[in-house]
Protein backbone atom coordinates (compact mmCIF):
# COMPACT_ATOMS: atom_id res chain seq x y z
CA MET A 1 160.39 109.95 79.74
CA ILE A 2 157.85 110.00 82.55
CA ARG A 3 155.13 107.41 82.35
CA VAL A 4 151.65 108.53 83.48
CA ASP A 5 149.23 105.98 84.89
CA ARG A 6 145.93 106.90 83.24
CA THR A 7 143.92 104.64 85.56
CA GLU A 8 144.31 107.10 88.44
CA ARG A 9 142.16 110.18 88.32
CA PRO A 10 142.89 113.31 90.28
CA VAL A 11 140.79 113.84 93.39
CA TRP A 12 138.99 116.79 91.81
CA HIS A 13 137.44 114.44 89.22
CA VAL A 14 135.91 112.38 91.99
CA MET A 15 134.70 115.48 93.83
CA LEU A 16 133.16 116.87 90.65
CA ALA A 17 131.39 113.57 89.97
CA VAL A 18 129.96 113.46 93.50
CA VAL A 19 128.70 117.06 93.26
CA ALA A 20 127.15 116.34 89.86
CA ILE A 21 125.38 113.22 91.13
CA LEU A 22 124.02 114.95 94.21
CA THR A 23 122.88 118.09 92.45
CA TRP A 24 121.77 116.82 89.03
CA PRO A 25 118.22 115.89 89.99
CA PHE A 26 117.63 119.17 91.80
CA LYS A 27 116.95 121.90 89.29
CA GLY A 28 114.07 124.30 89.08
CA ASP A 29 111.66 124.96 91.93
CA ILE A 30 112.87 122.37 94.42
CA ALA A 31 113.49 123.90 97.83
CA PHE A 32 116.24 123.14 100.31
CA ALA A 33 116.48 123.99 104.00
CA GLU A 34 119.83 123.60 105.73
CA GLY A 35 121.08 121.53 102.80
CA GLU A 36 118.17 119.08 102.83
CA LEU A 37 115.47 118.72 100.20
CA VAL A 38 112.14 120.08 101.39
CA LEU A 39 109.34 117.95 99.99
CA PRO A 40 106.12 119.49 98.75
CA SER A 41 103.09 118.15 100.62
CA ASP A 42 100.20 119.44 98.53
CA GLU A 43 97.46 117.05 97.40
CA VAL A 44 98.43 117.25 93.72
CA THR A 45 102.04 116.24 94.42
CA ILE A 46 101.01 113.40 96.75
CA ALA A 47 98.51 112.10 94.16
CA LEU A 48 101.17 112.22 91.44
CA GLY A 49 103.63 110.38 93.70
CA LYS A 50 101.06 107.73 94.58
CA ASP A 51 100.24 107.19 90.91
CA ARG A 52 103.89 106.93 89.81
CA TYR A 53 104.80 104.73 92.79
CA GLY A 54 101.90 102.40 92.01
CA ALA A 55 102.91 102.21 88.36
CA LYS A 56 106.52 101.09 88.87
CA CYS A 57 107.38 100.40 92.51
CA SER A 58 104.51 98.75 94.36
CA GLY A 59 103.51 95.28 93.22
CA PHE A 60 106.68 93.35 92.57
CA CYS A 61 109.27 95.30 94.54
CA HIS A 62 108.38 97.56 97.45
CA GLY A 63 104.78 96.52 97.98
CA SER A 64 101.58 98.41 98.51
CA SER A 65 102.09 101.84 100.06
CA GLY A 66 105.82 101.15 100.45
CA LYS A 67 105.38 98.49 103.13
CA GLY A 68 107.93 96.17 101.55
CA ALA A 69 107.75 92.98 99.53
CA ARG A 70 110.75 91.54 97.69
CA ALA A 71 112.49 94.85 98.29
CA PRO A 72 112.76 96.77 101.58
CA CYS A 73 110.01 98.71 103.32
CA LEU A 74 110.19 102.36 102.29
CA ILE A 75 107.97 103.71 105.07
CA CYS A 76 109.65 102.05 108.05
CA GLY A 77 112.27 104.78 108.48
CA VAL A 78 115.21 102.36 108.27
CA PHE A 79 117.41 102.63 105.19
CA LYS A 80 120.77 101.04 104.43
CA ARG A 81 121.83 103.48 101.72
CA GLY A 82 120.64 106.90 102.80
CA SER A 83 117.57 108.05 104.67
CA THR A 84 117.42 111.76 103.88
CA ASN A 85 115.05 113.05 101.22
CA THR A 86 118.02 114.01 99.07
CA GLU A 87 119.58 110.54 99.34
CA ILE A 88 116.31 108.77 98.57
CA VAL A 89 115.75 110.93 95.50
CA ARG A 90 119.32 110.15 94.42
CA ASN A 91 118.76 106.41 94.91
CA ILE A 92 115.58 106.47 92.82
CA THR A 93 117.22 108.61 90.15
CA LEU A 94 120.52 106.74 89.85
CA GLY A 95 119.64 103.32 91.28
CA VAL A 96 121.69 101.48 93.89
CA LYS A 97 124.74 99.70 92.56
CA GLY A 98 125.02 96.05 93.58
CA THR A 99 121.28 95.70 94.25
CA ALA A 100 118.14 95.09 92.23
CA MET A 101 117.24 98.79 92.57
CA GLY A 102 117.47 100.17 89.06
CA ALA A 103 117.83 103.79 87.99
CA PHE A 104 114.56 105.57 87.29
CA GLY A 105 116.01 108.95 86.32
CA GLU A 106 115.11 108.36 82.69
CA VAL A 107 111.74 106.79 83.48
CA PHE A 108 110.43 109.54 85.76
CA SER A 109 110.95 113.27 85.66
CA GLN A 110 112.58 115.08 88.57
CA GLU A 111 109.13 116.29 89.62
CA GLU A 112 107.76 112.74 89.60
CA ILE A 113 110.64 111.36 91.68
CA VAL A 114 110.23 114.11 94.28
CA ALA A 115 106.48 113.39 94.27
CA ILE A 116 107.14 109.69 94.92
CA VAL A 117 109.30 110.55 97.92
CA SER A 118 106.63 113.01 99.14
CA TYR A 119 104.02 110.26 98.88
CA LEU A 120 106.21 107.76 100.74
CA ARG A 121 106.99 110.25 103.53
CA GLY A 122 103.25 110.80 103.93
CA GLU A 123 102.70 107.05 104.18
CA GLN A 124 105.53 106.85 106.72
CA LYS A 125 103.83 109.53 108.86
CA LYS A 126 100.53 107.60 108.71
CA LYS A 127 102.30 104.42 109.79
CA GLU A 128 104.01 106.19 112.69
CA ALA A 129 100.71 107.79 113.77
CA GLU A 130 99.13 104.33 113.86
CA GLY A 131 101.93 103.16 116.13
CA ASN A 132 103.21 100.53 113.71
C-alpha cells in the first residue's frame, strides 16, 4: 500500500490560491493597464476614500492623511510589502500576516478599498509636489 502525505499540496493548489487572492477584489468596473490597477481620480471617489480612510485608518494607525503614526506612512512611496496599486488593495483587503494590519475586505466594499487607495495616491502626489 502506498502512503500519501496529505500535508503536501500539489503546486497547482498554491497557484490557484495566489490567483484567487490577487483577483478576488477586482470585479466589476475596475480598470487595469498593463496588468496594474488603474485608480479612479474623480472627486466622488477621492471623497469616499478620504471618508473611509478617516473612519478606520487615520487616528490610531496610519495617521492623518496617511502620514504615519503607529503604523507606516502610506504617502511616502516606500512600502515593505508591495507598492503597486494592486498590492496595496490586496493588503487592505486581506491584511498583512505577521503585522498589526488587519483584513478590511469584510469591513469595506471593493469600491471603498479602491477609493481609499485613490485618496492616498492623491495625498502622495500632494506631498511630492510640496517637496516633502
